[in-house]
Amino acid sequence: MKLALLGPVELADADGKRVTVGSRRHRQLLAIFGLYREQVVTTETITDLIWGEDPPADPSCSSVCTMGCLIKAPSARAP
């Protein structure tokens, strides 16, 4: 998989075929993981970077749900 972070966040499979990522939050999460590559990213960091000063009522659950949806997205799975 290849992740492009300059310009729009884009994901491509091993053959270079563009993979549909989905929502803005999913693209934000991918960008965070790309920027923090090979580092542990805490739920608190994800919450701060995605929601800033206006976090959801349960930021931990929202972050985990966003990650879960991204992982389960058929178009974001490697072949």
N, C-alpha and C. Protein backbone atom coordinates (compact mmCIF):
# COMPACT_ATOMS: atom_id res chain seq x y z
N MET A 1 0.84 -1.17 0.00
CA MET A 1 0.00 0.00 0.00
C MET A 1 0.88 1.24 0.00
N LYS A 2 0.40 2.25 -0.66
CA LYS A 2 1.11 3.53 -0.72
C LYS A 2 0.15 4.62 -0.25
N LEU A 3 0.64 5.48 0.61
CA LEU A 3 -0.16 6.56 1.16
C LEU A 3 0.46 7.88 0.73
N ALA A 4 -0.31 8.71 0.03
CA ALA A 4 0.14 10.03 -0.39
C ALA A 4 -0.44 11.07 0.55
N LEU A 5 0.43 11.90 1.13
CA LEU A 5 -0.03 12.89 2.10
C LEU A 5 0.07 14.32 1.58
N LEU A 6 0.86 14.55 0.55
CA LEU A 6 0.95 15.89 -0.01
C LEU A 6 -0.21 16.10 -0.97
N GLY A 7 -0.98 17.15 -0.75
CA GLY A 7 -2.22 17.34 -1.51
C GLY A 7 -3.30 16.51 -0.85
N PRO A 8 -4.25 16.01 -1.62
CA PRO A 8 -5.31 15.19 -1.01
C PRO A 8 -4.72 13.86 -0.50
N VAL A 9 -5.24 13.38 0.62
CA VAL A 9 -4.80 12.09 1.15
C VAL A 9 -5.32 11.01 0.23
N GLU A 10 -4.41 10.19 -0.30
CA GLU A 10 -4.79 9.12 -1.22
C GLU A 10 -4.08 7.84 -0.82
N LEU A 11 -4.74 6.73 -1.07
CA LEU A 11 -4.21 5.41 -0.78
C LEU A 11 -4.22 4.61 -2.06
N ALA A 12 -3.14 3.87 -2.30
CA ALA A 12 -3.05 3.03 -3.49
C ALA A 12 -2.62 1.63 -3.07
N ASP A 13 -3.11 0.61 -3.79
CA ASP A 13 -2.73 -0.76 -3.48
C ASP A 13 -1.35 -1.06 -4.07
N ALA A 14 -0.90 -2.30 -3.94
CA ALA A 14 0.44 -2.69 -4.40
C ALA A 14 0.62 -2.49 -5.90
N ASP A 15 -0.46 -2.55 -6.67
CA ASP A 15 -0.38 -2.37 -8.12
C ASP A 15 -0.50 -0.91 -8.53
N GLY A 16 -0.64 -0.01 -7.57
CA GLY A 16 -0.77 1.41 -7.86
C GLY A 16 -2.21 1.85 -8.10
N LYS A 17 -3.16 0.92 -7.98
CA LYS A 17 -4.57 1.25 -8.18
C LYS A 17 -5.08 2.04 -6.97
N ARG A 18 -5.72 3.17 -7.24
CA ARG A 18 -6.24 4.02 -6.17
C ARG A 18 -7.32 3.29 -5.39
N VAL A 19 -7.23 3.40 -4.07
CA VAL A 19 -8.19 2.77 -3.17
C VAL A 19 -9.07 3.87 -2.59
N THR A 20 -10.38 3.66 -2.63
CA THR A 20 -11.32 4.63 -2.06
C THR A 20 -11.24 4.56 -0.54
N VAL A 21 -11.00 5.69 0.08
CA VAL A 21 -10.82 5.71 1.53
C VAL A 21 -12.13 5.94 2.25
N GLY A 22 -12.97 6.79 1.76
CA GLY A 22 -14.26 7.02 2.42
C GLY A 22 -14.36 8.43 2.96
N SER A 23 -14.74 8.52 4.21
CA SER A 23 -15.06 9.81 4.81
C SER A 23 -13.83 10.67 5.09
N ARG A 24 -14.09 11.91 5.39
CA ARG A 24 -13.04 12.86 5.75
C ARG A 24 -12.31 12.38 6.99
N ARG A 25 -13.02 11.86 7.97
CA ARG A 25 -12.39 11.37 9.20
C ARG A 25 -11.46 10.20 8.91
N HIS A 26 -11.84 9.33 7.99
CA HIS A 26 -10.97 8.21 7.62
C HIS A 26 -9.69 8.73 6.97
N ARG A 27 -9.82 9.73 6.11
CA ARG A 27 -8.63 10.32 5.49
C ARG A 27 -7.75 11.00 6.54
N GLN A 28 -8.38 11.67 7.50
CA GLN A 28 -7.62 12.30 8.58
C GLN A 28 -6.85 11.24 9.37
N LEU A 29 -7.52 10.14 9.68
CA LEU A 29 -6.89 9.08 10.45
C LEU A 29 -5.72 8.47 9.68
N LEU A 30 -5.90 8.23 8.39
CA LEU A 30 -4.80 7.72 7.57
C LEU A 30 -3.63 8.69 7.55
N ALA A 31 -3.91 9.97 7.44
CA ALA A 31 -2.85 10.97 7.45
C ALA A 31 -2.10 10.95 8.78
N ILE A 32 -2.82 10.82 9.87
CA ILE A 32 -2.19 10.75 11.19
C ILE A 32 -1.26 9.54 11.25
N PHE A 33 -1.75 8.38 10.83
CA PHE A 33 -0.92 7.18 10.86
C PHE A 33 0.29 7.31 9.93
N GLY A 34 0.11 7.98 8.81
CA GLY A 34 1.23 8.20 7.90
C GLY A 34 2.27 9.13 8.50
N LEU A 35 1.82 10.16 9.17
CA LEU A 35 2.73 11.13 9.77
C LEU A 35 3.44 10.56 11.00
N TYR A 36 2.78 9.67 11.71
CA TYR A 36 3.34 9.06 12.92
C TYR A 36 3.81 7.63 12.65
N ARG A 37 4.22 7.39 11.42
CA ARG A 37 4.64 6.05 11.01
C ARG A 37 5.66 5.46 11.98
N GLU A 38 5.46 4.20 12.32
CA GLU A 38 6.33 3.46 13.22
C GLU A 38 6.37 4.04 14.63
N GLN A 39 5.32 4.77 15.01
CA GLN A 39 5.20 5.30 16.36
C GLN A 39 3.83 4.91 16.92
N VAL A 40 3.76 4.83 18.22
CA VAL A 40 2.48 4.58 18.88
C VAL A 40 1.71 5.90 18.88
N VAL A 41 0.46 5.85 18.42
CA VAL A 41 -0.39 7.04 18.41
C VAL A 41 -1.51 6.79 19.42
N THR A 42 -1.55 7.61 20.45
CA THR A 42 -2.56 7.43 21.49
C THR A 42 -3.93 7.91 21.02
N THR A 43 -4.94 7.41 21.67
CA THR A 43 -6.30 7.86 21.39
C THR A 43 -6.42 9.35 21.64
N GLU A 44 -5.74 9.84 22.67
CA GLU A 44 -5.76 11.26 22.99
C GLU A 44 -5.19 12.09 21.84
N THR A 45 -4.09 11.64 21.27
CA THR A 45 -3.49 12.34 20.13
C THR A 45 -4.43 12.35 18.94
N ILE A 46 -5.04 11.20 18.65
CA ILE A 46 -5.98 11.11 17.54
C ILE A 46 -7.15 12.06 17.77
N THR A 47 -7.68 12.06 18.98
CA THR A 47 -8.80 12.94 19.31
C THR A 47 -8.42 14.40 19.12
N ASP A 48 -7.25 14.79 19.64
CA ASP A 48 -6.79 16.17 19.51
C ASP A 48 -6.62 16.58 18.06
N LEU A 49 -6.05 15.69 17.25
CA LEU A 49 -5.78 16.04 15.85
C LEU A 49 -7.04 16.05 14.98
N ILE A 50 -7.98 15.17 15.27
CA ILE A 50 -9.20 15.11 14.44
C ILE A 50 -10.25 16.11 14.90
N TRP A 51 -10.50 16.17 16.20
CA TRP A 51 -11.61 17.00 16.70
C TRP A 51 -11.16 18.32 17.33
N GLY A 52 -9.88 18.44 17.67
CA GLY A 52 -9.39 19.69 18.25
C GLY A 52 -10.08 20.06 19.54
N GLU A 53 -10.52 21.31 19.63
CA GLU A 53 -11.14 21.81 20.85
C GLU A 53 -12.62 21.47 20.98
N ASP A 54 -13.18 20.76 20.00
CA ASP A 54 -14.59 20.40 20.03
C ASP A 54 -14.76 18.88 19.91
N PRO A 55 -14.22 18.13 20.91
CA PRO A 55 -14.29 16.67 20.81
C PRO A 55 -15.71 16.15 21.04
N PRO A 56 -16.00 14.94 20.55
CA PRO A 56 -17.31 14.34 20.80
C PRO A 56 -17.46 14.01 22.28
N ALA A 57 -18.67 13.65 22.68
CA ALA A 57 -18.96 13.34 24.08
C ALA A 57 -18.08 12.22 24.61
N ASP A 58 -17.84 11.20 23.80
CA ASP A 58 -16.97 10.09 24.19
C ASP A 58 -15.86 9.96 23.15
N PRO A 59 -14.81 10.77 23.28
CA PRO A 59 -13.77 10.80 22.25
C PRO A 59 -13.06 9.47 22.06
N SER A 60 -12.88 8.72 23.12
CA SER A 60 -12.20 7.43 23.00
C SER A 60 -13.01 6.49 22.12
N CYS A 61 -14.30 6.41 22.37
CA CYS A 61 -15.18 5.55 21.57
C CYS A 61 -15.23 6.02 20.12
N SER A 62 -15.32 7.32 19.92
CA SER A 62 -15.39 7.87 18.57
C SER A 62 -14.12 7.57 17.78
N SER A 63 -12.96 7.68 18.43
CA SER A 63 -11.69 7.38 17.76
C SER A 63 -11.60 5.91 17.40
N VAL A 64 -11.98 5.05 18.35
CA VAL A 64 -11.93 3.61 18.11
C VAL A 64 -12.93 3.22 17.02
N CYS A 65 -14.11 3.81 17.03
CA CYS A 65 -15.12 3.53 16.00
C CYS A 65 -14.62 3.96 14.62
N THR A 66 -13.96 5.12 14.55
CA THR A 66 -13.41 5.59 13.28
C THR A 66 -12.36 4.62 12.77
N MET A 67 -11.49 4.15 13.66
CA MET A 67 -10.47 3.17 13.26
C MET A 67 -11.11 1.87 12.80
N GLY A 68 -12.12 1.41 13.55
CA GLY A 68 -12.80 0.17 13.19
C GLY A 68 -13.46 0.23 11.83
N CYS A 69 -14.12 1.35 11.55
CA CYS A 69 -14.77 1.52 10.24
C CYS A 69 -13.74 1.53 9.12
N LEU A 70 -12.60 2.17 9.36
CA LEU A 70 -11.55 2.22 8.35
C LEU A 70 -10.99 0.83 8.09
N ILE A 71 -10.77 0.07 9.14
CA ILE A 71 -10.23 -1.29 9.00
C ILE A 71 -11.22 -2.20 8.28
N LYS A 72 -12.51 -2.05 8.55
CA LYS A 72 -13.53 -2.91 7.96
C LYS A 72 -13.92 -2.52 6.54
N ALA A 73 -13.52 -1.32 6.11
CA ALA A 73 -13.91 -0.86 4.77
C ALA A 73 -13.32 -1.77 3.72
N PRO A 74 -14.16 -2.41 2.90
CA PRO A 74 -13.67 -3.35 1.89
C PRO A 74 -12.68 -2.71 0.93
N SER A 75 -12.89 -1.46 0.57
CA SER A 75 -12.01 -0.83 -0.40
C SER A 75 -10.66 -0.46 0.21
N ALA A 76 -10.52 -0.48 1.53
CA ALA A 76 -9.26 -0.12 2.17
C ALA A 76 -8.45 -1.36 2.54
N ARG A 77 -8.95 -2.54 2.22
CA ARG A 77 -8.21 -3.77 2.52
C ARG A 77 -7.24 -4.08 1.40
N ALA A 78 -6.09 -4.58 1.80
CA ALA A 78 -5.11 -5.02 0.81
C ALA A 78 -5.62 -6.29 0.14
N PRO A 79 -5.28 -6.48 -1.14
CA PRO A 79 -5.74 -7.68 -1.84
C PRO A 79 -5.08 -8.94 -1.32
